[in-house]
Amino acid sequence: MGDEEDLEDETVSVSMEISGNYDEVMSKLATEDDGSTSLVSLLDDLEQLLDTVVRMDGGTRSAIAQQLPKDMTVSFDAQAVVDTLQVLERYDLVVLEGNTWKPGPKLTTEE
């Protein structure tokens, strides 16, 4: 009994890094609809944001925000665009050149 009480007092934290090309990362993040919290809307918005950057062949945060589809789950203003692109930059999906966000190496090598 004493061992069980000791285990209840311990805290565990786990972190994970997912790397690879865009399609592989997205497939790892995809979830099945089993009633739990789903990332589908987040992933759809990220994909639309990346598609917009690719379609424009890059642009400023304001220009990208103006070109985003209106049917996205969350509304993106210029600041939300740059905040999100900074995360995607860590995965080499976009790069910042001056004040212009462009498709990154992971997107340009897949084509």
Protein backbone atom coordinates (compact mmCIF):
# COMPACT_ATOMS: atom_id res chain seq x y z
CA MET A 1 0.00 0.00 0.00
CA GLY A 2 2.80 2.40 0.80
CA ASP A 3 4.20 2.11 -2.74
CA GLU A 4 0.87 3.06 -4.34
CA GLU A 5 0.62 6.19 -2.22
CA ASP A 6 4.17 7.21 -3.21
CA LEU A 7 3.35 6.82 -6.94
CA GLU A 8 0.28 9.04 -6.67
CA ASP A 9 2.45 11.93 -5.49
CA GLU A 10 4.72 11.82 -8.55
CA THR A 11 4.13 13.99 -11.61
CA VAL A 12 5.10 12.93 -15.11
CA SER A 13 5.55 15.16 -18.14
CA VAL A 14 6.13 13.92 -21.69
CA SER A 15 7.05 15.95 -24.77
CA MET A 16 7.48 14.78 -28.33
CA GLU A 17 8.95 16.22 -31.50
CA ILE A 18 7.51 15.22 -34.85
CA SER A 19 9.67 15.87 -37.88
CA GLY A 20 9.55 14.88 -41.51
CA ASN A 21 7.99 16.23 -44.66
CA TYR A 22 4.71 18.11 -44.42
CA ASP A 23 2.43 15.21 -45.41
CA GLU A 24 4.11 12.82 -42.96
CA VAL A 25 3.82 15.30 -40.09
CA MET A 26 0.17 16.02 -40.88
CA SER A 27 -0.67 12.31 -41.07
CA LYS A 28 0.94 11.79 -37.65
CA LEU A 29 -1.12 14.63 -36.21
CA ALA A 30 -4.38 13.47 -37.79
CA THR A 31 -6.84 12.01 -35.35
CA GLU A 32 -9.81 9.74 -35.76
CA ASP A 33 -13.15 11.07 -34.60
CA ASP A 34 -13.60 9.03 -31.44
CA GLY A 35 -15.34 11.69 -29.40
CA SER A 36 -12.12 13.16 -28.03
CA THR A 37 -10.75 16.61 -28.77
CA SER A 38 -9.79 16.81 -32.42
CA LEU A 39 -7.11 18.81 -34.20
CA VAL A 40 -8.87 18.60 -37.55
CA SER A 41 -9.95 22.26 -37.65
CA LEU A 42 -6.47 23.41 -36.57
CA LEU A 43 -4.79 21.27 -39.22
CA ASP A 44 -7.24 22.47 -41.88
CA ASP A 45 -6.50 26.11 -41.02
CA LEU A 46 -2.73 25.49 -41.06
CA GLU A 47 -3.02 23.79 -44.43
CA GLN A 48 -5.03 26.69 -45.84
CA LEU A 49 -2.47 29.15 -44.49
CA LEU A 50 0.39 27.22 -46.09
CA ASP A 51 -1.55 26.86 -49.36
CA THR A 52 -2.05 30.63 -49.39
CA VAL A 53 1.68 31.29 -48.88
CA VAL A 54 2.51 28.86 -51.71
CA ARG A 55 -0.18 30.26 -54.03
CA MET A 56 1.10 33.80 -53.46
CA ASP A 57 4.72 32.62 -53.66
CA GLY A 58 5.22 34.55 -50.45
CA GLY A 59 4.02 37.82 -49.03
CA THR A 60 3.96 40.10 -46.03
CA ARG A 61 1.88 39.11 -43.04
CA SER A 62 -0.81 41.65 -43.97
CA ALA A 63 -0.98 40.52 -47.59
CA ILE A 64 -1.25 36.87 -46.52
CA ALA A 65 -3.99 37.70 -43.99
CA GLN A 66 -5.98 39.46 -46.74
CA GLN A 67 -5.68 36.47 -49.10
CA LEU A 68 -6.75 33.78 -46.63
CA PRO A 69 -10.00 31.96 -47.44
CA LYS A 70 -13.03 33.26 -45.54
CA ASP A 71 -14.12 29.71 -44.58
CA MET A 72 -11.28 29.15 -42.13
CA THR A 73 -12.29 28.02 -38.64
CA VAL A 74 -10.48 30.89 -36.91
CA SER A 75 -10.15 34.44 -38.17
CA PHE A 76 -6.52 35.41 -38.85
CA ASP A 77 -5.38 39.02 -38.68
CA ALA A 78 -1.83 40.07 -39.54
CA GLN A 79 -0.55 39.35 -36.01
CA ALA A 80 -2.17 35.90 -35.91
CA VAL A 81 -0.61 35.13 -39.29
CA VAL A 82 2.89 36.03 -38.14
CA ASP A 83 2.45 34.14 -34.84
CA THR A 84 1.41 31.02 -36.73
CA LEU A 85 4.08 31.38 -39.42
CA GLN A 86 6.76 31.63 -36.72
CA VAL A 87 5.71 28.18 -35.50
CA LEU A 88 5.64 26.77 -39.04
CA GLU A 89 9.10 28.26 -39.64
CA ARG A 90 10.48 25.86 -37.02
CA TYR A 91 9.40 22.99 -39.28
CA ASP A 92 11.01 24.55 -42.39
CA LEU A 93 7.56 24.97 -43.94
CA VAL A 94 8.04 28.74 -44.35
CA VAL A 95 10.98 31.14 -44.21
CA LEU A 96 11.13 34.85 -43.47
CA GLU A 97 13.15 36.91 -45.95
CA GLY A 98 13.17 40.54 -44.85
CA ASN A 99 9.48 41.13 -44.15
CA THR A 100 8.25 38.54 -46.66
CA TRP A 101 7.14 35.05 -45.67
CA LYS A 102 7.94 32.48 -48.38
CA PRO A 103 7.44 28.73 -48.80
CA GLY A 104 10.19 26.94 -46.89
CA PRO A 105 12.52 24.14 -47.92
CA LYS A 106 10.06 21.40 -46.93
CA LEU A 107 7.40 22.83 -49.24
CA THR A 108 9.65 23.69 -52.14
CA THR A 109 11.43 20.31 -52.26
CA GLU A 110 8.15 18.34 -52.40
CA GLU A 111 7.14 19.80 -55.75
